[in-house]
Amino acid sequence: MRPRLALALLLFSLVASAHVGSPDVFLDGQAGPYSLFVMVQPPAVIPGIAQIQVRVSAPGVTDVSATPLAISGPGSTLAPVADSLTASTDDGQTFNGAVWLMQTGSMQIRIQARGSRGQGTVSVPLPALAQRSLAMPQALGALLLGLAGLLVFGLVAITGAAVREARLEPGVTPDKGRRFHGRVVMGCVLALVLALVWFGNSWWNSEARAYSAQIYKPLQIAPSLDGTKLTLRITDPGWLPFRKIDDFIPDHDHLIHLYLIREPQMDRVSHLHPEMTGPGVFALDLPSMDAGKYWLYADVVHGDGFSETLMSNLVLPQIEGRPLSGDDAIGVASPIAASGVTTQEFHLADGYTMRFDAPALAAKRAQLFRFELLDLQGKRPEDMQLYMGMLGHAAFVKTDGSVFAHVHPSGSISMAALMMTGSSHNMPSHNMTEMDGVLPNAVQFPYGFPTPGHYRIFVQMKHGITVETGVFDAYVT
């Protein structure tokens, strides 16, 4: 057996939740008779306000409302009063609004649409995370400190004057005794005010520490290699007491989805599925892989529907491993192109072609990304298959590794969480099978780039027993 290889572990200083550096949540689904494209921007602090945008694919919807509630437990049935969304003045098919998220954990926002064809409901799962504390601006702090000092000075001066002069006739000068008593009272009031300020500051710091304990701390994952066997050990740095490392539930039939992307070229990608061998421990025998430094992104879903993406990086030697099997897939491409380029066609090693109907790409814009697989004759493959229960999977990755989003045709939400809300059957018709039972050779992914820059999109579709991986560059303005 080859000697054990130590792997470099790098925990990114990024917010890691359901996705890395991509906090917005997208869902393309059906609310009864209505097709909705939903984007939710979760707040960075909890309690906080989540911004919601709902785009209706066809006219006829007159009212859209949103309700936040827990995915599971008593809170999942005790819904608060719904908040109405407002139709855009520029586009009557777009509705905007906001809801308060009051607790940390696995939440859902229930969207209800009403119109000429009745009403329908779809739920959008999302992790409610306190990601940071909001600091007070220095200018505001200085202003408030000055005002506080003025109030303290005024209070002390008023009490001193009250003792010295309140009972004197107008124009009478306080004697030495009154002035002495005034100074004593002023000193006592000043001491009392300073004591109150000290206790208030202590209370504030205690609350700040309690809130800091609620700020999201991602699970840590440490990879190690023994020959061709990769082992992943998950540890909890401490966040909330109810989080566990052995309560993962299957998402697309797998407890963990592992992406390995060689950097900085981003010319190799592996989508693998280790098996759990113990609490928080996963392992698999690697397929053949090229040497290099890889980003590691691992998606897991907890039993309450809370999704996390764990991050690390590792250095691999040349691996002569097992053949690919099951749902595992590997993609090979040229190194990333120069910034400013968006590619629309990718030629696969077996002669097939994958095409990208690239829209105008801009950050913070909810969009549908359509990809099509063509055979050697440029036609739809006759043996199209579902890949892990869907027409395809996609990973949107920024070239500096700061953004990673594993996206499905239904959106950026795990199917396990979507099933817990009862909305897994509400996928849009354009991402389902055709009426005659023949699978289409095209798939759409709802997503929005969080920041401008250069991205790579890895798209996987299946025909026969072959999982094809298309690789596209995307330049986002």
Protein backbone atom coordinates (compact mmCIF):
# COMPACT_ATOMS: atom_id res chain seq x y z
CA MET A 1 0.00 0.00 0.00
CA ARG A 2 1.26 3.44 -0.81
CA PRO A 3 2.31 5.61 2.13
CA ARG A 4 -0.33 7.89 3.52
CA LEU A 5 -0.39 11.27 1.77
CA ALA A 6 -1.03 14.35 3.88
CA LEU A 7 -3.51 16.65 2.22
CA ALA A 8 -3.53 20.40 2.58
CA LEU A 9 -6.67 21.70 4.28
CA LEU A 10 -7.86 25.19 3.58
CA LEU A 11 -11.07 26.45 5.14
CA PHE A 12 -12.25 29.38 3.08
CA SER A 13 -13.12 32.61 4.89
CA LEU A 14 -16.44 32.69 3.04
CA VAL A 15 -19.99 32.33 4.18
CA ALA A 16 -20.87 28.69 3.58
CA SER A 17 -24.46 27.60 3.78
CA ALA A 18 -26.50 25.81 1.17
CA HIS A 19 -24.00 27.21 -1.33
CA VAL A 20 -20.68 28.99 -1.18
CA GLY A 21 -20.74 32.72 -1.81
CA SER A 22 -24.18 32.43 -3.43
CA PRO A 23 -26.74 33.14 -0.70
CA ASP A 24 -29.77 33.86 -2.90
CA VAL A 25 -32.29 31.04 -3.32
CA PHE A 26 -34.00 30.25 -6.64
CA LEU A 27 -37.01 28.07 -7.43
CA ASP A 28 -38.68 27.39 -10.77
CA GLY A 29 -41.92 25.62 -9.94
CA GLN A 30 -45.69 25.31 -10.18
CA ALA A 31 -48.15 26.88 -7.78
CA GLY A 32 -51.26 25.06 -8.90
CA PRO A 33 -51.98 26.23 -12.48
CA TYR A 34 -49.33 28.97 -12.36
CA SER A 35 -45.64 28.71 -13.30
CA LEU A 36 -43.56 30.80 -10.90
CA PHE A 37 -39.90 31.78 -10.90
CA VAL A 38 -39.04 32.74 -7.31
CA MET A 39 -35.93 34.47 -6.01
CA VAL A 40 -35.38 34.92 -2.26
CA GLN A 41 -32.57 37.05 -0.83
CA PRO A 42 -32.11 35.89 2.79
CA PRO A 43 -31.01 38.45 5.39
CA ALA A 44 -27.45 38.46 6.71
CA VAL A 45 -28.73 38.76 10.29
CA ILE A 46 -31.50 36.96 12.18
CA PRO A 47 -34.03 38.37 12.95
CA GLY A 48 -33.96 39.99 9.55
CA ILE A 49 -35.93 40.71 6.41
CA ALA A 50 -35.87 38.37 3.40
CA GLN A 51 -36.52 40.05 0.06
CA ILE A 52 -38.75 38.11 -2.38
CA GLN A 53 -39.35 38.43 -6.09
CA VAL A 54 -41.89 36.26 -7.91
CA ARG A 55 -42.11 36.23 -11.69
CA VAL A 56 -45.31 34.71 -13.14
CA SER A 57 -44.81 33.16 -16.58
CA ALA A 58 -48.25 34.16 -17.90
CA PRO A 59 -50.79 36.90 -17.11
CA GLY A 60 -53.84 36.24 -14.98
CA VAL A 61 -52.38 36.28 -11.46
CA THR A 62 -53.87 39.10 -9.39
CA ASP A 63 -52.47 38.43 -5.92
CA VAL A 64 -49.30 36.82 -4.56
CA SER A 65 -48.53 36.40 -0.85
CA ALA A 66 -45.64 34.94 1.17
CA THR A 67 -45.57 33.24 4.56
CA PRO A 68 -42.40 32.25 6.49
CA LEU A 69 -42.51 29.12 8.63
CA ALA A 70 -40.31 26.23 9.71
CA ILE A 71 -39.86 23.20 7.46
CA SER A 72 -40.54 20.70 10.24
CA GLY A 73 -41.81 20.61 13.82
CA PRO A 74 -44.69 22.59 15.34
CA GLY A 75 -43.64 25.75 13.52
CA SER A 76 -44.38 24.12 10.17
CA THR A 77 -48.13 24.15 10.88
CA LEU A 78 -48.47 27.37 12.87
CA ALA A 79 -48.16 29.86 10.05
CA PRO A 80 -48.25 33.61 10.71
CA VAL A 81 -50.38 36.02 8.70
CA ALA A 82 -49.20 36.10 5.09
CA ASP A 83 -47.51 39.20 3.65
CA SER A 84 -48.83 40.44 0.32
CA LEU A 85 -46.38 41.05 -2.50
CA THR A 86 -46.76 44.13 -4.67
CA ALA A 87 -47.04 43.95 -8.44
CA SER A 88 -44.30 45.82 -10.26
CA THR A 89 -45.39 49.04 -11.94
CA ASP A 90 -43.17 48.17 -14.92
CA ASP A 91 -44.25 44.54 -15.26
CA GLY A 92 -47.58 43.26 -13.96
CA GLN A 93 -46.27 39.67 -13.95
CA THR A 94 -43.52 40.43 -11.41
CA PHE A 95 -44.36 40.72 -7.70
CA ASN A 96 -41.99 42.01 -5.00
CA GLY A 97 -42.13 41.98 -1.23
CA ALA A 98 -40.45 41.00 2.01
CA VAL A 99 -41.02 38.83 5.08
CA TRP A 100 -39.39 38.72 8.49
CA LEU A 101 -37.34 35.65 9.43
CA MET A 102 -37.34 35.47 13.22
CA GLN A 103 -35.46 32.25 13.98
CA THR A 104 -32.32 30.44 12.88
CA GLY A 105 -32.57 27.06 11.20
CA SER A 106 -34.29 25.29 8.34
CA MET A 107 -37.13 27.50 7.09
CA GLN A 108 -39.52 27.71 4.16
CA ILE A 109 -41.38 30.56 2.52
CA ARG A 110 -44.81 29.52 1.31
CA ILE A 111 -45.83 31.36 -1.85
CA GLN A 112 -49.55 31.49 -2.69
CA ALA A 113 -50.77 32.78 -6.04
CA ARG A 114 -54.40 33.67 -6.84
CA GLY A 115 -55.90 34.62 -10.15
CA SER A 116 -58.37 33.85 -12.89
CA ARG A 117 -57.59 30.11 -12.75
CA GLY A 118 -57.96 29.73 -9.00
CA GLN A 119 -55.13 29.54 -6.53
CA GLY A 120 -51.98 27.48 -5.97
CA THR A 121 -49.16 27.15 -3.45
CA VAL A 122 -45.48 26.32 -3.62
CA SER A 123 -42.88 26.41 -0.82
CA VAL A 124 -39.29 27.61 -1.08
CA PRO A 125 -36.92 26.01 1.48
CA LEU A 126 -34.02 28.12 2.69
CA PRO A 127 -31.54 28.07 5.58
CA ALA A 128 -32.08 31.05 7.88
CA LEU A 129 -28.58 32.01 9.02
CA ALA A 130 -27.11 34.80 11.08
CA GLN A 131 -24.00 35.33 8.98
CA ARG A 132 -22.53 38.36 10.73
CA SER A 133 -23.08 41.09 13.28
CA LEU A 134 -23.98 44.52 12.04
CA ALA A 135 -21.38 47.03 13.21
CA MET A 136 -22.34 50.58 14.07
CA PRO A 137 -20.82 53.14 11.68
CA GLN A 138 -18.06 55.14 13.36
CA ALA A 139 -19.65 58.48 12.52
CA LEU A 140 -22.97 57.41 14.05
CA GLY A 141 -21.18 56.03 17.11
CA ALA A 142 -19.32 59.31 17.62
CA LEU A 143 -22.56 61.27 17.25
CA LEU A 144 -24.41 59.08 19.74
CA LEU A 145 -21.50 59.24 22.20
CA GLY A 146 -21.52 63.02 22.00
CA LEU A 147 -25.28 63.17 22.55
CA ALA A 148 -24.99 60.76 25.49
CA GLY A 149 -22.30 62.95 27.05
CA LEU A 150 -24.52 66.01 26.58
CA LEU A 151 -27.43 64.23 28.27
CA VAL A 152 -25.27 63.16 31.21
CA PHE A 153 -23.88 66.68 31.60
CA GLY A 154 -27.37 68.15 31.43
CA LEU A 155 -28.79 65.71 33.98
CA VAL A 156 -25.97 66.31 36.46
CA ALA A 157 -26.18 70.09 35.99
CA ILE A 158 -29.97 70.13 36.43
CA THR A 159 -29.89 68.10 39.66
CA GLY A 160 -27.12 70.30 41.07
CA ALA A 161 -29.06 73.45 40.25
CA ALA A 162 -32.20 71.99 41.76
CA VAL A 163 -30.45 71.39 45.10
CA ARG A 164 -28.65 74.75 45.14
CA GLU A 165 -31.28 77.15 43.87
CA ALA A 166 -34.73 75.56 43.51
CA ARG A 167 -36.04 76.88 46.85
CA LEU A 168 -34.39 80.28 46.76
CA GLU A 169 -36.14 83.49 45.92
CA PRO A 170 -35.24 84.98 42.52
CA GLY A 171 -31.93 86.86 42.61
CA VAL A 172 -30.72 85.24 45.90
CA THR A 173 -27.19 83.76 45.72
CA PRO A 174 -26.79 80.22 47.15
CA ASP A 175 -24.75 80.10 50.34
CA LYS A 176 -21.74 77.88 50.93
CA GLY A 177 -23.84 75.07 52.42
CA ARG A 178 -26.19 74.88 49.43
CA ARG A 179 -23.27 74.89 47.03
CA PHE A 180 -21.66 72.04 48.99
CA HIS A 181 -24.88 70.00 48.98
CA GLY A 182 -25.26 70.71 45.25
CA ARG A 183 -21.80 69.34 44.55
CA VAL A 184 -22.50 66.23 46.66
CA VAL A 185 -25.74 65.55 44.81
CA MET A 186 -24.07 66.15 41.45
CA GLY A 187 -21.33 63.67 42.35
CA CYS A 188 -23.89 61.07 43.46
CA VAL A 189 -25.94 61.52 40.29
CA LEU A 190 -22.83 61.30 38.14
CA ALA A 191 -21.78 58.09 39.92
CA LEU A 192 -25.30 56.66 39.48
CA VAL A 193 -25.38 57.53 35.78
CA LEU A 194 -21.91 56.05 35.22
CA ALA A 195 -22.99 52.88 37.05
CA LEU A 196 -26.06 52.62 34.83
CA VAL A 197 -23.89 53.12 31.74
CA TRP A 198 -21.49 50.41 32.96
CA PHE A 199 -24.32 47.95 33.62
CA GLY A 200 -25.91 48.80 30.28
CA ASN A 201 -22.62 48.24 28.48
CA SER A 202 -22.17 44.91 30.26
CA TRP A 203 -25.67 43.85 29.26
CA TRP A 204 -25.03 44.93 25.67
CA ASN A 205 -21.75 42.98 25.51
CA SER A 206 -23.49 39.91 26.98
CA GLU A 207 -26.20 40.11 24.32
CA ALA A 208 -23.56 40.60 21.63
CA ARG A 209 -21.69 37.48 22.80
CA ALA A 210 -24.93 35.50 22.83
CA TYR A 211 -25.71 36.66 19.30
CA SER A 212 -22.17 35.85 18.14
CA ALA A 213 -22.72 32.30 19.33
CA GLN A 214 -25.64 32.11 16.89
CA ILE A 215 -23.61 33.28 13.88
CA TYR A 216 -23.30 30.43 11.41
CA LYS A 217 -20.14 28.37 11.64
CA PRO A 218 -19.88 25.82 8.81
CA LEU A 219 -19.08 22.19 9.39
CA GLN A 220 -15.40 21.50 8.74
CA ILE A 221 -14.28 18.70 6.47
CA ALA A 222 -10.79 17.20 6.49
CA PRO A 223 -9.79 14.95 3.56
CA SER A 224 -7.08 12.30 3.72
CA LEU A 225 -5.78 9.86 1.13
CA ASP A 226 -4.51 6.33 1.58
CA GLY A 227 -3.51 4.92 -1.79
CA THR A 228 -6.59 5.54 -3.91
CA LYS A 229 -9.02 5.67 -0.97
CA LEU A 230 -10.26 9.15 -0.07
CA THR A 231 -11.65 9.64 3.44
CA LEU A 232 -13.60 12.73 4.51
CA ARG A 233 -13.97 13.50 8.22
CA ILE A 234 -16.58 16.05 9.23
CA THR A 235 -16.35 17.95 12.52
CA ASP A 236 -18.60 20.58 14.06
CA PRO A 237 -16.76 23.70 15.31
CA GLY A 238 -19.79 24.51 17.44
CA TRP A 239 -22.76 26.50 16.25
CA LEU A 240 -26.20 25.45 17.44
CA PRO A 241 -26.71 22.59 19.89
CA PHE A 242 -29.20 20.78 17.65
CA ARG A 243 -26.82 20.41 14.68
CA LYS A 244 -25.42 16.90 14.23
CA ILE A 245 -22.89 15.20 11.96
CA ASP A 246 -24.72 11.90 11.66
CA ASP A 247 -28.25 12.97 10.72
CA PHE A 248 -27.73 13.40 6.97
CA ILE A 249 -30.54 12.34 4.68
CA PRO A 250 -30.29 11.25 1.02
CA ASP A 251 -30.57 13.89 -1.67
CA HIS A 252 -30.92 12.29 -5.12
CA ASP A 253 -30.21 8.91 -3.44
CA HIS A 254 -26.86 10.03 -1.98
CA LEU A 255 -25.92 11.32 1.47
CA ILE A 256 -23.17 13.51 0.07
CA HIS A 257 -22.41 15.05 -3.32
CA LEU A 258 -18.70 15.75 -3.74
CA TYR A 259 -17.28 18.06 -6.40
CA LEU A 260 -13.54 18.10 -7.01
CA ILE A 261 -12.40 20.91 -9.34
CA ARG A 262 -8.76 21.29 -10.33
CA GLU A 263 -7.55 24.83 -9.84
CA PRO A 264 -6.60 27.30 -11.09
CA GLN A 265 -7.21 25.94 -14.63
CA MET A 266 -10.64 24.47 -13.77
CA ASP A 267 -10.01 21.93 -16.53
CA ARG A 268 -10.94 18.82 -14.50
CA VAL A 269 -14.13 18.24 -12.55
CA SER A 270 -15.30 15.14 -10.71
CA HIS A 271 -18.81 14.65 -9.31
CA LEU A 272 -18.54 11.75 -6.84
CA HIS A 273 -20.64 10.18 -4.09
CA PRO A 274 -18.75 8.79 -1.06
CA GLU A 275 -20.46 6.40 1.32
CA MET A 276 -20.82 7.00 5.06
CA THR A 277 -18.61 4.66 7.09
CA GLY A 278 -19.22 6.19 10.53
CA PRO A 279 -20.68 9.29 12.19
CA GLY A 280 -19.37 12.18 10.12
CA VAL A 281 -17.00 9.93 8.13
CA PHE A 282 -17.30 9.28 4.38
CA ALA A 283 -15.01 7.29 2.11
CA LEU A 284 -14.69 6.12 -1.47
CA ASP A 285 -12.16 4.62 -3.84
CA LEU A 286 -11.24 7.33 -6.30
CA PRO A 287 -11.54 6.82 -10.04
CA SER A 288 -8.54 7.67 -12.22
CA MET A 289 -7.73 11.36 -11.77
CA ASP A 290 -5.04 13.71 -12.95
CA ALA A 291 -2.54 15.16 -10.48
CA GLY A 292 -3.02 18.67 -9.19
CA LYS A 293 -4.52 20.91 -6.54
CA TYR A 294 -8.29 20.62 -6.26
CA TRP A 295 -11.08 22.61 -4.68
CA LEU A 296 -13.37 20.33 -2.69
CA TYR A 297 -17.08 21.15 -2.27
CA ALA A 298 -19.34 18.67 -0.47
CA ASP A 299 -23.14 19.08 -0.28
CA VAL A 300 -25.05 17.51 2.61
CA VAL A 301 -28.63 17.81 3.90
CA HIS A 302 -29.52 17.40 7.58
CA GLY A 303 -32.58 15.57 8.81
CA ASP A 304 -34.48 18.84 9.32
CA GLY A 305 -33.88 19.89 5.70
CA PHE A 306 -30.97 22.23 6.52
CA SER A 307 -28.48 22.14 3.61
CA GLU A 308 -24.77 22.89 3.85
CA THR A 309 -21.83 23.00 1.46
CA LEU A 310 -18.55 22.05 3.13
CA MET A 311 -15.26 23.29 1.70
CA SER A 312 -11.64 22.28 1.67
CA ASN A 313 -8.86 21.80 -0.84
CA LEU A 314 -6.45 18.97 -1.47
CA VAL A 315 -3.46 18.02 -3.55
CA LEU A 316 -3.68 14.77 -5.48
CA PRO A 317 -0.95 12.77 -7.16
CA GLN A 318 -1.75 11.00 -10.41
CA ILE A 319 -4.46 8.49 -9.46
CA GLU A 320 -4.80 5.23 -11.33
CA GLY A 321 -8.08 4.20 -9.82
CA ARG A 322 -11.28 2.33 -10.51
CA PRO A 323 -13.52 2.77 -13.56
CA LEU A 324 -16.40 5.17 -13.19
CA SER A 325 -19.62 3.59 -11.94
CA GLY A 326 -23.09 4.54 -10.82
CA ASP A 327 -23.74 8.26 -10.74
CA ASP A 328 -20.08 9.28 -10.59
CA ALA A 329 -18.90 11.47 -13.46
CA ILE A 330 -15.73 13.22 -14.62
CA GLY A 331 -15.39 16.13 -17.01
CA VAL A 332 -12.33 17.23 -18.96
CA ALA A 333 -11.97 20.62 -20.63
CA SER A 334 -9.42 23.17 -21.75
CA PRO A 335 -8.13 25.64 -19.14
CA ILE A 336 -10.37 28.60 -18.50
CA ALA A 337 -10.45 31.18 -21.26
CA ALA A 338 -9.47 34.80 -20.91
CA SER A 339 -11.84 36.97 -18.95
CA GLY A 340 -14.64 38.46 -21.00
CA VAL A 341 -15.50 35.26 -22.88
CA THR A 342 -18.80 33.35 -22.75
CA THR A 343 -18.79 30.03 -24.62
CA GLN A 344 -21.93 28.50 -26.11
CA GLU A 345 -20.81 25.10 -27.41
CA PHE A 346 -18.80 22.25 -25.90
CA HIS A 347 -17.61 19.23 -27.89
CA LEU A 348 -17.47 16.03 -25.84
CA ALA A 349 -14.87 13.31 -26.24
CA ASP A 350 -17.36 10.81 -27.71
CA GLY A 351 -18.43 13.19 -30.48
CA TYR A 352 -21.56 14.47 -28.76
CA THR A 353 -22.12 18.21 -28.37
CA MET A 354 -23.64 20.27 -25.59
CA ARG A 355 -24.95 23.74 -26.34
CA PHE A 356 -25.64 26.70 -24.05
CA ASP A 357 -28.34 29.21 -24.98
CA ALA A 358 -26.44 32.00 -23.27
CA PRO A 359 -28.57 35.01 -22.32
CA ALA A 360 -27.07 38.39 -21.51
CA LEU A 361 -25.32 37.62 -18.22
CA ALA A 362 -25.50 40.13 -15.39
CA ALA A 363 -25.04 39.82 -11.64
CA LYS A 364 -28.03 39.83 -9.28
CA ARG A 365 -30.43 38.88 -12.06
CA ALA A 366 -32.62 35.79 -11.80
CA GLN A 367 -32.38 33.90 -15.09
CA LEU A 368 -33.08 30.55 -16.72
CA PHE A 369 -30.02 28.83 -18.23
CA ARG A 370 -30.86 26.33 -20.98
CA PHE A 371 -28.54 23.55 -22.16
CA GLU A 372 -29.09 21.02 -24.95
CA LEU A 373 -27.37 17.70 -25.68
CA LEU A 374 -26.93 16.59 -29.33
CA ASP A 375 -25.68 13.29 -30.76
CA LEU A 376 -23.13 12.66 -33.53
CA GLN A 377 -25.65 13.78 -36.16
CA GLY A 378 -26.58 16.93 -34.27
CA LYS A 379 -29.95 15.50 -33.22
CA ARG A 380 -31.64 14.56 -29.97
CA PRO A 381 -30.15 11.33 -28.58
CA GLU A 382 -32.73 8.55 -28.68
CA ASP A 383 -31.55 7.07 -25.38
CA MET A 384 -31.88 10.09 -23.07
CA GLN A 385 -31.97 9.14 -19.38
CA LEU A 386 -32.60 10.95 -16.12
CA TYR A 387 -29.44 11.71 -14.15
CA MET A 388 -30.18 11.08 -10.47
CA GLY A 389 -33.87 11.61 -11.10
CA MET A 390 -33.55 14.80 -13.13
CA LEU A 391 -32.80 15.92 -16.65
CA GLY A 392 -29.50 17.31 -15.49
CA HIS A 393 -27.35 18.86 -12.78
CA ALA A 394 -25.22 22.00 -12.96
CA ALA A 395 -22.49 23.62 -10.89
CA PHE A 396 -21.86 27.37 -11.21
CA VAL A 397 -18.34 28.16 -10.00
CA LYS A 398 -16.44 31.44 -9.98
CA THR A 399 -12.89 31.17 -11.27
CA ASP A 400 -11.40 32.26 -7.92
CA GLY A 401 -13.39 29.57 -6.08
CA SER A 402 -15.37 32.13 -4.06
CA VAL A 403 -18.73 31.05 -5.52
CA PHE A 404 -20.04 27.50 -5.84
CA ALA A 405 -23.69 26.60 -6.44
CA HIS A 406 -24.99 23.10 -7.19
CA VAL A 407 -28.23 23.78 -9.08
CA HIS A 408 -31.07 21.50 -10.19
CA PRO A 409 -33.79 22.09 -12.79
CA SER A 410 -36.09 23.01 -9.90
CA GLY A 411 -33.62 25.54 -8.55
CA SER A 412 -30.78 25.97 -6.09
CA ILE A 413 -32.62 23.98 -3.42
CA SER A 414 -31.90 20.41 -2.40
CA MET A 415 -34.60 17.97 -3.46
CA ALA A 416 -34.59 16.48 0.04
CA ALA A 417 -35.62 19.84 1.54
CA LEU A 418 -38.13 20.41 -1.26
CA MET A 419 -39.75 17.05 -0.54
CA MET A 420 -40.11 17.97 3.13
CA THR A 421 -42.18 20.99 2.17
CA GLY A 422 -44.46 18.89 -0.02
CA SER A 423 -43.48 20.88 -3.13
CA SER A 424 -41.30 18.29 -4.89
CA HIS A 425 -44.16 17.54 -7.31
CA ASN A 426 -44.32 21.21 -8.30
CA MET A 427 -41.48 21.16 -10.79
CA PRO A 428 -42.17 23.17 -13.97
CA SER A 429 -43.48 21.31 -16.98
CA HIS A 430 -40.53 22.29 -19.19
CA ASN A 431 -38.24 20.29 -16.90
CA MET A 432 -40.38 17.16 -16.85
CA THR A 433 -40.87 14.33 -19.32
CA GLU A 434 -42.88 14.94 -22.46
CA MET A 435 -46.42 13.69 -22.76
CA ASP A 436 -45.43 10.68 -24.86
CA GLY A 437 -42.92 9.55 -22.24
CA VAL A 438 -39.85 10.53 -24.28
CA LEU A 439 -37.27 12.50 -22.34
CA PRO A 440 -36.22 15.83 -23.82
CA ASN A 441 -32.57 16.50 -24.57
CA ALA A 442 -32.65 20.00 -23.06
CA VAL A 443 -32.72 21.23 -19.47
CA GLN A 444 -33.10 24.63 -17.82
CA PHE A 445 -31.56 25.77 -14.52
CA PRO A 446 -32.84 28.78 -12.56
CA TYR A 447 -30.01 30.79 -11.02
CA GLY A 448 -28.60 34.28 -10.57
CA PHE A 449 -24.90 35.12 -10.38
CA PRO A 450 -24.19 36.84 -7.04
CA THR A 451 -21.29 39.01 -8.26
CA PRO A 452 -19.73 40.08 -11.56
CA GLY A 453 -16.73 38.21 -12.89
CA HIS A 454 -15.67 35.07 -14.71
CA TYR A 455 -17.43 31.76 -14.00
CA ARG A 456 -17.35 28.18 -15.21
CA ILE A 457 -20.55 26.18 -15.55
CA PHE A 458 -20.34 22.39 -15.35
CA VAL A 459 -23.46 20.70 -16.75
CA GLN A 460 -24.18 16.98 -16.57
CA MET A 461 -26.79 15.12 -18.63
CA LYS A 462 -27.18 11.42 -19.26
CA HIS A 463 -27.92 9.22 -22.28
CA GLY A 464 -27.79 5.43 -22.12
CA ILE A 465 -25.23 4.64 -19.41
CA THR A 466 -23.07 7.67 -20.19
CA VAL A 467 -23.02 10.80 -18.07
CA GLU A 468 -21.84 13.70 -20.23
CA THR A 469 -20.18 16.74 -18.63
CA GLY A 470 -20.28 19.99 -20.57
CA VAL A 471 -18.02 22.86 -19.52
CA PHE A 472 -18.84 26.48 -20.36
CA ASP A 473 -17.20 29.81 -19.59
CA ALA A 474 -19.51 32.64 -18.53
CA TYR A 475 -18.51 36.26 -18.21
CA VAL A 476 -20.89 38.18 -15.95
CA THR A 477 -21.13 41.96 -16.10
